[in-house]
Every structure is written in C-alpha cells, then in structure tokens.
Amino acid sequence: MTNVIEMINITKEFPGIKAVDAVSFELKKQEIHALLGENGAGKSTLMSVLFGLYQAEEGIIKVNNKEVKIDSPNIANDLGIGMVHQHFKLVDDFTVVENIILGYEPTKGMVLDINKAQEKIMALSEKYHLNVEPDAKIENISVGMQQRVEILKMLYRNNDILIFDEPTAVLTPQEIEELMKIMKALIKEGKSIILITHKLKEIKMVADRCTVLRRGKYIGTVDVTTTNTNEMANMMVGREVDFGVSKDECQPGDIVLKVNNLSMFNDKKFKVVDDISFEIRRGEIYGLAGIEGNGQTDLVYGITGLKKVNDGQIILNNIDITNIGVKKRFDIGLGHIPEDRHKHGLILDFNMAQNMVLHTYNKKPYQNNGIIIENEIVKLTDQLINDFDIRSSLGAKTMVRQMSGGNQQKVIIAREIHLSPDLLVIVQPTRGLDVGAIEYIHKQIIKERDKGKAILLISLELDEVMNLSDRIAVIYQGKIMGEVNPKETDEKQLGLMMVGYQQ
C-alpha cells in the first residue's frame, strides 16, 4: 500500500523544550494510523507541523511521494489535508452551514450562493451519516454535533487525509461508537486517517497501525491487531500500568453535602433538574452516572453556584449555601473540577502559577498586606508540577493557553486536590488524560476520600464511575432513577437505568 504522508526526522522546538525530536511518521492510503503518547508527548505538535500551524526546524514532509513545504493551513488544505482540533475551531454565532463554508464560500457572480453550499453539505451529511441541523447556531448544538460540523468542514474542502486530534475527549459513549463507524466509512471511500489519542480501547476498535511517542521522541510503530493494550501502554509511559483501582472499604462519616428537593429550569422554562434529593458523607465517593444532557451539568452548576436554583435547598457543612456566591462556597469548603476546563477551570491568558492560586491569591503565604508574594506562588506551582507530572515549556511561567489539553486538565486537578476541600465536585476528571495520568489521578481521588473528604463524581466513563464510587446514582431527564452498590451492579444494568428503566 502506498504512503500518502511521509514525515522524516521532524524536529520542532519551543522556548525551553524540544517538543518533537527527530520523529519520523508515515500514513498509508486508506489506513487509520493512531498516534499514541502521554500528555505533552508531542502528538498534537507533530500533526500541527503537518497541518501548517507550526514550521519545523528540521525534517522533510512528503505528500503522495512529493516533497512539500507546508507553512499555513491553507496550503495543507490545498494538498488535501484536513484537521479536527481537540478544541473545535468554530464560530459560536455562525450557523452550521456558515461555519462549514467559511473561507471557501461559493458565489454566483458577486453574491454568496448559500443554496449551492447547503445542497453539497446535505449530500455529504447523508453520504457519511453525519446528521446536522444546517441552520442551527453552533452555540445551540451539542458537542457531538459540533464535531460532525468539523468533519463536514474537511469533507466540504475535499480533504483526503484527515487528522483527528483527541476526537472522543468530549463525546458520550454513544457518540464515540458513532464516530468510529464514520471513520470506517471514510476509509472505505478512499480517505486516510491519522487518529491522535491515548484511549487504547478506541485504538483497538478502529486503528490498523499505531505509532508511539514519548517525551517528543519516536518509540516505535506496531500492528494494532497483534499488539495488546498492555504492550501499547508500556510503550507509551515506559513502565507497567495498573488498569485497576485498589481501595479499602468505605468508612462514611458525618453528612457534608445535603441536597433537598432541588429543581432547576433552563432558558426555555423546561425543568432540567427535577426534585432531586441526596446526601454525601465524609469518606465516600458518590458517583452520578447518566447520558450527557440529562441534568448533570445544571445540577453541578446549582451546587457550585454557577447557576441559580429555582427550588430546593443545598446544605454544605451544615450551612445553607443555596443562594450565596461562588467565592463564599469555596471558603465554606467546596472544590470544583469542572466539565469545561476553558470556561470554568482556567484563565487561559494567565500563566500556570497564576492559575494555581485563583482561589488563594489573597491568603497567606501568597500575599502579605495586599502585596502578592510571587516566590511563594512559584514554589507551590513547582511542587505541583512535580507531583502531578505537568509538562510545559517554561514551567510555572508557561501561559496556560499554550499547554496541551491534558496538561491543562492536570493544572486544575492539582490545584483543587491540593486545597483538599471538604466537598470536591469532580466532573470528567480524566477527560483528555493518558493511562499513566489516569492511574495517578484515580489514586489521588481515593486518597482524598480516605482523608475523610466527601466527593461527588460525575463521569461519562462508566468504568470510571464503577471503579471509584462507593454509591452510584443514575440520573435520567433530570430525575434520580435510583441508587446502586457498584459491587452489586454492572454496566448493563446501569445502561438500562440511564435510558429510563426504573431500578
């Protein structure tokens, strides 16, 4: 099978770090080639070089056996290369159609021919089962549909070489399954795909070959069908990885969080949280399972103060926090690892040190008489960088916007776990993290539980909910369908409850 892409001895440096160090990579026609590595291993950087977002200091790129210079995404597009980025590049105020045709608008004379564009988009949508609402604004559609828009953008431009950067990081299990089918259909149509990921299960599901990077260096390329997940994990992190979660029996103490008959409405006056009641005690992890969009996000917003509740009561450490501000809730003992790390977890144009003290910059030892003590902030950040293996080019001074998604996630987790609040609300904690980081984060969550902290865990990864939780509640259409003991249930039973079967 012929190579459609060859990258030979590519080196890309940033201040203080060699992100990609003499890496070679090839993609054959009509194959799905996975690019695997830890957070900050250089995967996205290597593909950003191929897509023209970065220019390499050294190395050669060949497309269809012809040496090329790709110094912008427009040139990459002209060469048939498209990319779906981990954080989508869509304009929220534009419609689906407007986003897809942006930069490639068809005209009739001097006038935009929107009908012609819509016809082509709907034909592509039908052909590849990429169902979208053409007139819907991006801000009003699900993350899964936004990803379909990104894929249609590539197909609209007639790209034959498709790069997917962590495509499943924000998808539900059902959407992941659908995406895998779409990828296989694209291959049958003659496309070639590079899949950047660190989800070994998904590599086994769709990839033909897998190339592994570690700390910017090439480790090897393997045939996926003849290589098991343990071997790939070992190549990725350089050691054996424990996929299980070991923990002692739960020893619940006093009630930390009590939610009484909580109800919330969305902007369209539809009840999205419907008379929910539960409590979480010290020393236990309370897992909440459910398909995305069934009220979890609103419930979390209500508990953390990001959204006003319409009815009911939230008690934290015996204090009614239902109507008090976010900052006061943190002072009373709340911590939050949010679902959307960009919107609610980080200030992207602050450096890592500044992000580490977002809750505590006004407290000693980080300030004295209103003056920020920078040395103390950097000392804390350096400690957390070491403890949580956060990778970046300039350490504490790195602008968070310049970090990989997985390392951004580690910044939030390090900050919130270091504060060790009485109640830790954790949403999708390992989204975008590699297996080595997941293993470490799970141990830290268990450690917090064993210190007597109460934890509310919300995750779309069912095995994560089952492995970590001491009790599991299932939410469906804003209601709690029932509670189960993780030792006495399985994914099938949880799955039935998640689609509305009463326990």
Protein backbone atom coordinates (compact mmCIF):
# COMPACT_ATOMS: atom_id res chain seq x y z
CA MET A 1 0.00 0.00 0.00
CA THR A 2 1.44 3.40 -0.97
CA ASN A 3 2.29 6.14 1.52
CA VAL A 4 0.20 9.30 1.27
CA ILE A 5 2.21 11.06 4.01
CA GLU A 6 5.87 10.75 4.99
CA MET A 7 7.36 12.87 7.76
CA ILE A 8 11.11 12.31 8.04
CA ASN A 9 13.18 13.37 11.09
CA ILE A 10 10.86 16.21 12.10
CA THR A 11 12.16 18.44 14.92
CA LYS A 12 10.09 21.24 16.49
CA GLU A 13 11.36 23.36 19.38
CA PHE A 14 9.70 25.90 21.66
CA PRO A 15 11.49 28.07 24.26
CA GLY A 16 12.91 25.67 26.83
CA ILE A 17 11.68 22.42 25.23
CA LYS A 18 12.19 20.19 22.22
CA ALA A 19 8.56 19.21 21.69
CA VAL A 20 9.29 16.88 18.73
CA ASP A 21 12.77 15.38 18.45
CA ALA A 22 13.75 13.87 15.05
CA VAL A 23 10.44 11.97 14.69
CA SER A 24 9.51 10.05 11.54
CA PHE A 25 5.93 9.04 10.71
CA GLU A 26 4.13 7.63 7.69
CA LEU A 27 0.50 7.18 6.70
CA LYS A 28 -0.61 4.66 4.08
CA LYS A 29 -3.57 5.15 1.77
CA GLN A 30 -6.88 4.02 3.29
CA GLU A 31 -5.49 3.23 6.73
CA ILE A 32 -6.31 4.53 10.17
CA HIS A 33 -2.96 5.21 11.83
CA ALA A 34 -3.14 6.02 15.56
CA LEU A 35 -0.66 8.41 17.14
CA LEU A 36 -0.33 7.48 20.81
CA GLY A 37 1.51 9.18 23.67
CA GLU A 38 1.23 10.75 27.10
CA ASN A 39 0.01 14.32 27.60
CA GLY A 40 2.73 16.55 26.21
CA ALA A 41 4.44 13.73 24.27
CA GLY A 42 4.41 15.80 21.06
CA LYS A 43 1.50 14.21 19.18
CA SER A 44 -0.51 17.38 18.51
CA THR A 45 2.68 19.35 17.80
CA LEU A 46 3.79 16.85 15.15
CA MET A 47 0.39 16.99 13.46
CA SER A 48 0.29 20.79 13.74
CA VAL A 49 3.52 20.77 11.71
CA LEU A 50 1.82 18.59 9.08
CA PHE A 51 -1.20 20.94 9.04
CA GLY A 52 0.96 24.07 8.70
CA LEU A 53 0.19 25.60 12.11
CA TYR A 54 3.86 25.23 13.09
CA GLN A 55 7.01 25.09 10.98
CA ALA A 56 9.63 22.52 11.93
CA GLU A 57 13.26 23.49 12.48
CA GLU A 58 14.38 20.28 10.78
CA GLY A 59 12.90 17.48 8.67
CA ILE A 60 11.12 16.70 5.41
CA ILE A 61 7.43 16.25 4.60
CA LYS A 62 6.24 14.32 1.56
CA VAL A 63 2.61 14.20 0.36
CA ASN A 64 1.90 11.49 -2.22
CA ASN A 65 5.69 10.94 -2.64
CA LYS A 66 6.33 14.62 -3.43
CA GLU A 67 8.37 16.79 -1.05
CA VAL A 68 6.35 19.82 0.08
CA LYS A 69 6.66 22.90 2.30
CA ILE A 70 3.53 23.45 4.38
CA ASP A 71 3.69 26.87 6.01
CA SER A 72 -0.03 27.51 6.52
CA PRO A 73 -3.29 25.55 6.95
CA ASN A 74 -4.42 26.90 3.56
CA ILE A 75 -1.54 25.08 1.86
CA ALA A 76 -2.37 21.93 3.88
CA ASN A 77 -5.96 22.18 2.66
CA ASP A 78 -4.77 22.62 -0.94
CA LEU A 79 -2.75 19.41 -0.50
CA GLY A 80 -5.87 17.56 0.71
CA ILE A 81 -5.01 17.61 4.43
CA GLY A 82 -7.76 18.48 6.95
CA MET A 83 -7.69 18.57 10.76
CA VAL A 84 -10.31 18.35 13.51
CA HIS A 85 -8.69 20.02 16.51
CA GLN A 86 -9.16 18.90 20.11
CA HIS A 87 -10.78 22.25 20.91
CA PHE A 88 -13.04 22.93 17.94
CA LYS A 89 -12.34 25.96 15.72
CA LEU A 90 -15.94 27.06 15.23
CA VAL A 91 -17.64 30.48 15.39
CA ASP A 92 -20.40 30.26 18.02
CA ASP A 93 -22.60 32.97 16.45
CA PHE A 94 -22.49 31.41 12.96
CA THR A 95 -24.78 28.65 11.73
CA VAL A 96 -23.62 25.14 10.87
CA VAL A 97 -23.55 25.98 7.13
CA GLU A 98 -21.71 29.28 7.66
CA ASN A 99 -19.01 27.52 9.69
CA ILE A 100 -18.54 24.76 7.11
CA ILE A 101 -18.11 27.11 4.14
CA LEU A 102 -16.06 29.76 5.98
CA GLY A 103 -13.10 30.64 3.74
CA TYR A 104 -14.50 28.51 0.88
CA GLU A 105 -17.73 30.37 0.15
CA PRO A 106 -19.32 29.52 -3.24
CA THR A 107 -20.54 32.53 -5.21
CA LYS A 108 -22.95 33.20 -8.05
CA GLY A 109 -21.41 36.24 -9.71
CA MET A 110 -20.66 38.56 -6.78
CA VAL A 111 -23.28 37.02 -4.45
CA LEU A 112 -22.83 34.20 -1.92
CA ASP A 113 -24.60 31.08 -3.23
CA ILE A 114 -25.79 29.67 0.10
CA ASN A 115 -28.23 27.24 -1.56
CA LYS A 116 -25.46 25.56 -3.55
CA ALA A 117 -23.37 25.23 -0.37
CA GLN A 118 -26.30 23.78 1.58
CA GLU A 119 -27.02 21.21 -1.14
CA LYS A 120 -23.40 19.99 -1.10
CA ILE A 121 -23.32 19.88 2.70
CA MET A 122 -26.57 17.90 2.95
CA ALA A 123 -25.34 15.45 0.29
CA LEU A 124 -22.14 14.88 2.29
CA SER A 125 -24.15 14.67 5.50
CA GLU A 126 -26.36 11.95 4.05
CA LYS A 127 -23.50 10.03 2.44
CA TYR A 128 -21.45 9.77 5.66
CA HIS A 129 -24.37 9.68 8.16
CA LEU A 130 -23.22 12.99 9.67
CA ASN A 131 -26.63 14.32 10.69
CA VAL A 132 -26.56 18.08 11.33
CA GLU A 133 -29.06 20.92 11.52
CA PRO A 134 -27.79 23.30 8.79
CA ASP A 135 -29.49 26.45 10.14
CA ALA A 136 -28.71 25.87 13.82
CA LYS A 137 -26.22 28.18 15.53
CA ILE A 138 -23.10 26.45 16.89
CA GLU A 139 -23.75 27.77 20.42
CA ASN A 140 -27.10 25.90 20.46
CA ILE A 141 -25.95 22.42 19.36
CA SER A 142 -24.35 19.53 21.27
CA VAL A 143 -20.61 18.89 21.36
CA GLY A 144 -21.15 15.72 19.31
CA MET A 145 -22.89 17.68 16.56
CA GLN A 146 -20.16 20.34 16.65
CA GLN A 147 -17.65 17.61 15.90
CA ARG A 148 -19.73 16.47 12.92
CA VAL A 149 -19.57 20.07 11.66
CA GLU A 150 -15.77 19.93 11.90
CA ILE A 151 -15.71 16.66 9.92
CA LEU A 152 -18.02 18.13 7.28
CA LYS A 153 -15.68 21.14 7.02
CA MET A 154 -12.91 18.74 5.96
CA LEU A 155 -15.12 16.82 3.54
CA TYR A 156 -16.51 20.06 2.04
CA ARG A 157 -12.93 21.02 1.19
CA ASN A 158 -12.39 17.60 -0.48
CA ASN A 159 -9.66 16.62 2.01
CA ASP A 160 -8.43 13.04 1.57
CA ILE A 161 -6.03 12.99 4.55
CA LEU A 162 -7.95 13.56 7.79
CA ILE A 163 -6.32 14.29 11.15
CA PHE A 164 -8.47 13.77 14.27
CA ASP A 165 -6.91 15.27 17.43
CA GLU A 166 -8.35 13.59 20.56
CA PRO A 167 -11.76 13.34 18.86
CA THR A 168 -13.52 11.42 21.63
CA ALA A 169 -12.38 13.53 24.60
CA VAL A 170 -15.75 15.33 24.83
CA LEU A 171 -18.13 12.69 23.45
CA THR A 172 -20.63 10.36 25.10
CA PRO A 173 -20.12 6.58 24.70
CA GLN A 174 -22.89 6.52 22.08
CA GLU A 175 -21.28 9.37 20.12
CA ILE A 176 -17.89 7.63 20.28
CA GLU A 177 -19.41 4.49 18.77
CA GLU A 178 -20.99 6.58 16.02
CA LEU A 179 -17.69 8.35 15.29
CA MET A 180 -15.88 5.02 14.93
CA LYS A 181 -18.47 3.94 12.31
CA ILE A 182 -18.00 7.25 10.46
CA MET A 183 -14.22 6.75 10.39
CA LYS A 184 -14.57 3.28 8.92
CA ALA A 185 -16.98 4.62 6.28
CA LEU A 186 -14.49 7.36 5.35
CA ILE A 187 -11.73 4.77 4.86
CA LYS A 188 -13.97 2.77 2.52
CA GLU A 189 -14.44 5.95 0.47
CA GLY A 190 -10.68 6.20 -0.09
CA LYS A 191 -9.76 8.59 2.75
CA SER A 192 -6.73 8.09 5.05
CA ILE A 193 -6.94 8.97 8.75
CA ILE A 194 -4.48 9.93 11.50
CA LEU A 195 -6.06 9.45 14.94
CA ILE A 196 -4.32 11.27 17.82
CA THR A 197 -5.43 9.66 21.07
CA HIS A 198 -4.43 7.95 24.28
CA LYS A 199 -7.54 5.80 24.57
CA LEU A 200 -6.22 2.30 23.98
CA LYS A 201 -9.68 0.75 23.70
CA GLU A 202 -10.51 3.01 20.75
CA ILE A 203 -7.20 2.29 19.02
CA LYS A 204 -8.05 -1.42 19.22
CA MET A 205 -11.53 -0.68 17.80
CA VAL A 206 -10.51 1.17 14.62
CA ALA A 207 -6.77 1.59 14.00
CA ASP A 208 -4.62 -0.51 11.66
CA ARG A 209 -1.24 0.66 12.98
CA CYS A 210 -0.11 2.69 15.99
CA THR A 211 2.95 4.94 16.35
CA VAL A 212 4.03 5.77 19.92
CA LEU A 213 5.78 8.96 21.04
CA ARG A 214 7.26 9.58 24.48
CA ARG A 215 8.60 12.97 25.60
CA GLY A 216 8.94 14.11 22.00
CA LYS A 217 10.80 11.03 20.77
CA TYR A 218 9.73 8.20 18.46
CA ILE A 219 9.36 4.91 20.39
CA GLY A 220 8.01 2.57 17.68
CA THR A 221 5.20 1.61 15.32
CA VAL A 222 3.14 -1.55 15.91
CA ASP A 223 0.42 -3.52 14.16
CA VAL A 224 -2.71 -2.99 16.30
CA THR A 225 -4.22 -6.43 15.67
CA THR A 226 -1.13 -8.24 17.00
CA THR A 227 -0.34 -5.88 19.92
CA ASN A 228 -2.33 -5.87 23.18
CA THR A 229 -3.27 -2.77 25.19
CA ASN A 230 -0.77 -3.54 27.99
CA GLU A 231 2.10 -3.53 25.49
CA MET A 232 0.97 -0.23 23.98
CA ALA A 233 0.53 1.33 27.44
CA ASN A 234 4.03 0.19 28.39
CA MET A 235 5.47 1.78 25.23
CA MET A 236 3.59 4.99 25.99
CA VAL A 237 4.64 5.53 29.62
CA GLY A 238 7.78 3.38 29.82
CA ARG A 239 6.51 1.14 32.64
CA GLU A 240 3.75 -1.29 33.58
CA VAL A 241 0.39 0.42 34.09
CA ASP A 242 -2.20 -0.74 36.64
CA PHE A 243 -5.61 -0.50 34.93
CA GLY A 244 -7.48 -1.41 38.12
CA VAL A 245 -8.38 0.83 41.09
CA SER A 246 -7.48 -0.55 44.51
CA LYS A 247 -9.22 0.94 47.53
CA ASP A 248 -10.21 -0.02 51.06
CA GLU A 249 -13.81 -0.36 52.20
CA CYS A 250 -15.61 2.97 52.53
CA GLN A 251 -15.89 4.38 56.09
CA PRO A 252 -18.59 7.08 55.81
CA GLY A 253 -18.78 9.77 58.50
CA ASP A 254 -20.93 12.88 59.01
CA ILE A 255 -23.01 14.40 56.21
CA VAL A 256 -21.06 17.06 54.28
CA LEU A 257 -23.50 17.80 51.43
CA LYS A 258 -27.27 17.58 51.63
CA VAL A 259 -29.38 18.36 48.54
CA ASN A 260 -33.10 18.68 49.31
CA ASN A 261 -35.78 18.62 46.57
CA LEU A 262 -33.66 20.62 44.12
CA SER A 263 -35.30 21.81 40.90
CA MET A 264 -33.85 23.95 38.10
CA PHE A 265 -35.16 25.27 34.78
CA ASN A 266 -33.31 26.10 31.58
CA ASP A 267 -33.73 29.28 29.49
CA LYS A 268 -36.76 27.76 27.76
CA LYS A 269 -38.52 27.20 31.13
CA PHE A 270 -38.02 23.43 30.81
CA LYS A 271 -37.33 21.59 34.08
CA VAL A 272 -33.80 20.14 33.72
CA VAL A 273 -33.29 19.18 37.39
CA ASP A 274 -36.46 17.65 38.78
CA ASP A 275 -36.92 17.44 42.58
CA ILE A 276 -33.53 15.80 43.26
CA SER A 277 -32.50 14.82 46.80
CA PHE A 278 -29.34 13.07 48.02
CA GLU A 279 -26.60 13.37 50.62
CA ILE A 280 -22.85 12.68 50.65
CA ARG A 281 -20.89 11.83 53.79
CA ARG A 282 -17.27 12.25 54.75
CA GLY A 283 -15.07 9.46 53.42
CA GLU A 284 -17.27 8.43 50.50
CA ILE A 285 -17.40 8.88 46.74
CA TYR A 286 -20.90 9.38 45.38
CA GLY A 287 -20.95 8.64 41.65
CA LEU A 288 -23.55 10.11 39.32
CA ALA A 289 -23.98 8.24 36.03
CA GLY A 290 -26.05 9.34 33.07
CA ILE A 291 -26.07 10.10 29.37
CA GLU A 292 -24.90 13.66 28.69
CA GLY A 293 -27.68 16.24 28.73
CA ASN A 294 -29.84 14.67 31.45
CA GLY A 295 -29.38 17.41 34.03
CA GLN A 296 -25.89 16.65 35.38
CA THR A 297 -24.40 19.95 34.20
CA ASP A 298 -27.22 22.05 35.67
CA LEU A 299 -27.07 20.12 38.95
CA VAL A 300 -23.33 20.82 39.23
CA TYR A 301 -23.89 24.49 38.34
CA GLY A 302 -26.52 24.68 41.08
CA ILE A 303 -24.27 23.11 43.74
CA THR A 304 -21.23 25.22 42.80
CA GLY A 305 -23.16 28.49 42.43
CA LEU A 306 -22.65 28.94 38.70
CA LYS A 307 -26.41 28.94 38.13
CA LYS A 308 -29.36 29.93 40.30
CA VAL A 309 -31.64 27.14 41.51
CA ASN A 310 -35.40 27.56 41.22
CA ASP A 311 -36.48 25.44 44.16
CA GLY A 312 -35.00 23.33 46.94
CA GLN A 313 -32.06 23.62 49.28
CA ILE A 314 -28.29 22.91 49.27
CA ILE A 315 -26.60 22.42 52.65
CA LEU A 316 -22.77 22.29 52.88
CA ASN A 317 -21.13 21.69 56.28
CA ASN A 318 -24.49 22.50 57.95
CA ILE A 319 -24.67 25.90 56.20
CA ASP A 320 -27.41 26.73 53.70
CA ILE A 321 -25.47 27.77 50.56
CA THR A 322 -28.47 27.76 48.17
CA ASN A 323 -28.31 31.48 47.45
CA ILE A 324 -24.74 32.52 48.27
CA GLY A 325 -21.94 33.36 45.82
CA VAL A 326 -19.31 31.06 44.33
CA LYS A 327 -16.39 32.51 46.34
CA LYS A 328 -18.19 32.05 49.66
CA ARG A 329 -18.98 28.43 48.77
CA PHE A 330 -15.26 27.79 48.21
CA ASP A 331 -14.48 29.42 51.59
CA ILE A 332 -17.04 27.14 53.30
CA GLY A 333 -15.32 24.02 51.91
CA LEU A 334 -16.28 23.45 48.27
CA GLY A 335 -13.87 22.44 45.49
CA HIS A 336 -14.75 22.00 41.80
CA ILE A 337 -13.05 20.23 38.89
CA PRO A 338 -15.32 21.47 36.09
CA GLU A 339 -16.56 19.82 32.91
CA ASP A 340 -15.41 22.71 30.71
CA ARG A 341 -11.81 23.46 31.65
CA HIS A 342 -11.61 26.54 29.42
CA LYS A 343 -14.84 28.19 30.52
CA HIS A 344 -14.83 27.43 34.25
CA GLY A 345 -11.46 25.94 35.19
CA LEU A 346 -8.70 28.19 33.86
CA ILE A 347 -7.84 31.72 32.79
CA LEU A 348 -6.09 30.85 29.55
CA ASP A 349 -4.11 34.09 29.29
CA PHE A 350 -2.70 33.71 32.82
CA ASN A 351 0.42 31.63 33.39
CA MET A 352 0.39 28.34 35.26
CA ALA A 353 1.43 29.87 38.59
CA GLN A 354 -1.38 32.44 38.46
CA ASN A 355 -3.91 29.70 37.70
CA MET A 356 -2.69 27.62 40.64
CA VAL A 357 -3.72 30.34 43.14
CA LEU A 358 -7.02 31.51 41.65
CA HIS A 359 -8.77 30.61 44.95
CA THR A 360 -5.95 31.53 47.35
CA TYR A 361 -4.04 34.52 45.89
CA ASN A 362 -5.48 36.75 48.66
CA LYS A 363 -4.34 34.45 51.50
CA LYS A 364 -1.02 33.86 53.22
CA PRO A 365 1.65 32.88 52.24
CA TYR A 366 0.73 34.10 48.72
CA GLN A 367 0.02 37.71 49.78
CA ASN A 368 1.04 39.96 52.63
CA ASN A 369 -0.74 43.26 53.32
CA GLY A 370 -2.20 43.23 49.80
CA ILE A 371 1.14 42.52 48.08
CA ILE A 372 1.43 39.30 46.04
CA ILE A 373 4.41 37.13 47.13
CA GLU A 374 5.40 35.68 43.76
CA ASN A 375 8.17 33.42 45.11
CA GLU A 376 5.67 31.52 47.27
CA ILE A 377 3.30 31.07 44.31
CA VAL A 378 6.10 29.74 42.10
CA LYS A 379 7.28 27.43 44.92
CA LEU A 380 3.78 25.91 45.20
CA THR A 381 3.48 25.60 41.41
CA ASP A 382 6.86 23.87 41.09
CA GLN A 383 5.80 21.38 43.77
CA LEU A 384 2.51 20.61 41.99
CA ILE A 385 4.24 20.37 38.57
CA ASN A 386 6.48 17.70 40.08
CA ASP A 387 3.71 15.85 41.98
CA PHE A 388 1.27 15.74 39.04
CA ASP A 389 3.85 15.44 36.22
CA ILE A 390 2.59 18.57 34.45
CA ARG A 391 4.52 19.07 31.21
CA SER A 392 5.14 22.51 29.75
CA SER A 393 7.87 24.53 28.06
CA LEU A 394 8.52 27.22 30.71
CA GLY A 395 7.33 25.59 33.93
CA ALA A 396 5.39 27.89 36.27
CA LYS A 397 5.69 30.79 33.79
CA THR A 398 4.04 28.89 30.90
CA MET A 399 0.92 30.56 29.53
CA VAL A 400 -1.86 28.02 30.07
CA ARG A 401 -3.24 28.66 26.57
CA GLN A 402 -0.01 27.19 25.14
CA MET A 403 -0.29 23.88 27.04
CA SER A 404 -1.81 20.64 25.75
CA GLY A 405 -5.39 19.87 26.79
CA GLY A 406 -4.30 17.03 29.06
CA ASN A 407 -1.76 19.19 30.89
CA GLN A 408 -4.35 21.96 31.28
CA GLN A 409 -6.58 19.36 32.95
CA LYS A 410 -3.73 18.38 35.30
CA VAL A 411 -3.34 22.04 36.37
CA ILE A 412 -6.99 22.15 37.52
CA ILE A 413 -6.83 18.75 39.24
CA ALA A 414 -3.55 19.64 41.01
CA ARG A 415 -4.98 22.96 42.25
CA GLU A 416 -8.27 21.54 43.54
CA ILE A 417 -6.83 18.39 45.14
CA HIS A 418 -4.00 20.38 46.80
CA LEU A 419 -6.64 22.57 48.51
CA SER A 420 -8.27 19.36 49.85
CA PRO A 421 -11.78 20.86 50.36
CA ASP A 422 -14.45 19.12 52.46
CA LEU A 423 -16.57 18.56 49.33
CA LEU A 424 -14.94 18.01 45.97
CA VAL A 425 -17.29 18.14 42.97
CA ILE A 426 -15.45 16.33 40.17
CA VAL A 427 -16.76 16.30 36.60
CA GLN A 428 -15.00 14.27 33.90
CA PRO A 429 -11.68 14.29 35.83
CA THR A 430 -9.66 12.23 33.35
CA ARG A 431 -11.03 13.72 30.11
CA GLY A 432 -8.08 14.01 27.73
CA LEU A 433 -5.62 12.23 30.06
CA ASP A 434 -3.36 9.29 29.20
CA VAL A 435 -3.43 5.97 31.07
CA GLY A 436 -0.46 6.84 33.29
CA ALA A 437 -2.07 10.13 34.35
CA ILE A 438 -5.47 8.45 34.86
CA GLU A 439 -3.87 5.87 37.18
CA TYR A 440 -2.29 8.68 39.26
CA ILE A 441 -5.41 10.89 39.39
CA HIS A 442 -7.61 7.96 40.49
CA LYS A 443 -5.17 7.27 43.36
CA GLN A 444 -5.33 10.94 44.41
CA ILE A 445 -9.15 10.88 44.43
CA ILE A 446 -9.14 7.73 46.59
CA LYS A 447 -6.56 9.38 48.90
CA GLU A 448 -8.89 12.38 49.38
CA ARG A 449 -11.74 10.03 50.23
CA ASP A 450 -9.56 8.24 52.77
CA LYS A 451 -8.68 11.61 54.37
CA GLY A 452 -12.39 11.97 55.17
CA LYS A 453 -13.41 14.20 52.27
CA ALA A 454 -16.79 13.91 50.53
CA ILE A 455 -16.65 13.52 46.75
CA LEU A 456 -19.34 13.92 44.09
CA LEU A 457 -18.05 12.24 40.92
CA ILE A 458 -19.75 12.78 37.56
CA SER A 459 -18.26 11.00 34.56
CA LEU A 460 -19.44 9.69 31.20
CA GLU A 461 -16.85 6.87 31.55
CA LEU A 462 -18.93 4.13 33.16
CA ASP A 463 -15.92 2.07 34.20
CA GLU A 464 -14.52 5.15 36.00
CA VAL A 465 -17.78 5.66 37.91
CA MET A 466 -17.94 1.96 38.81
CA ASN A 467 -14.28 1.67 39.85
CA LEU A 468 -14.16 4.78 42.03
CA SER A 469 -17.65 5.14 43.54
CA ASP A 470 -18.91 3.79 46.85
CA ARG A 471 -22.51 4.52 45.84
CA ILE A 472 -23.86 5.24 42.36
CA ALA A 473 -26.97 7.22 41.46
CA VAL A 474 -28.31 7.31 37.92
CA ILE A 475 -29.82 10.50 36.50
CA TYR A 476 -32.33 10.48 33.63
CA GLN A 477 -34.28 13.52 32.36
CA GLY A 478 -33.39 15.44 35.49
CA LYS A 479 -34.58 12.76 37.93
CA ILE A 480 -32.63 10.29 40.06
CA MET A 481 -33.69 6.84 38.80
CA GLY A 482 -32.25 5.03 41.79
CA GLU A 483 -29.08 4.25 43.71
CA VAL A 484 -26.99 1.08 43.38
CA ASN A 485 -23.98 -0.50 45.04
CA PRO A 486 -21.14 -0.70 42.45
CA LYS A 487 -20.24 -4.17 43.75
CA GLU A 488 -23.75 -5.43 43.01
CA THR A 489 -24.30 -3.95 39.55
CA ASP A 490 -22.80 -3.99 36.06
CA GLU A 491 -22.61 -1.70 33.02
CA LYS A 492 -25.70 -3.35 31.50
CA GLN A 493 -27.91 -2.56 34.50
CA LEU A 494 -26.58 0.99 34.71
CA GLY A 495 -27.10 1.41 30.97
CA LEU A 496 -30.79 0.43 31.30
CA MET A 497 -31.29 2.91 34.14
CA MET A 498 -29.56 5.60 32.06
CA VAL A 499 -32.24 5.27 29.39
CA GLY A 500 -35.12 5.43 31.85
CA TYR A 501 -35.73 1.94 33.28
CA GLN A 502 -36.57 2.34 36.98
CA GLN A 503 -34.38 0.35 39.39
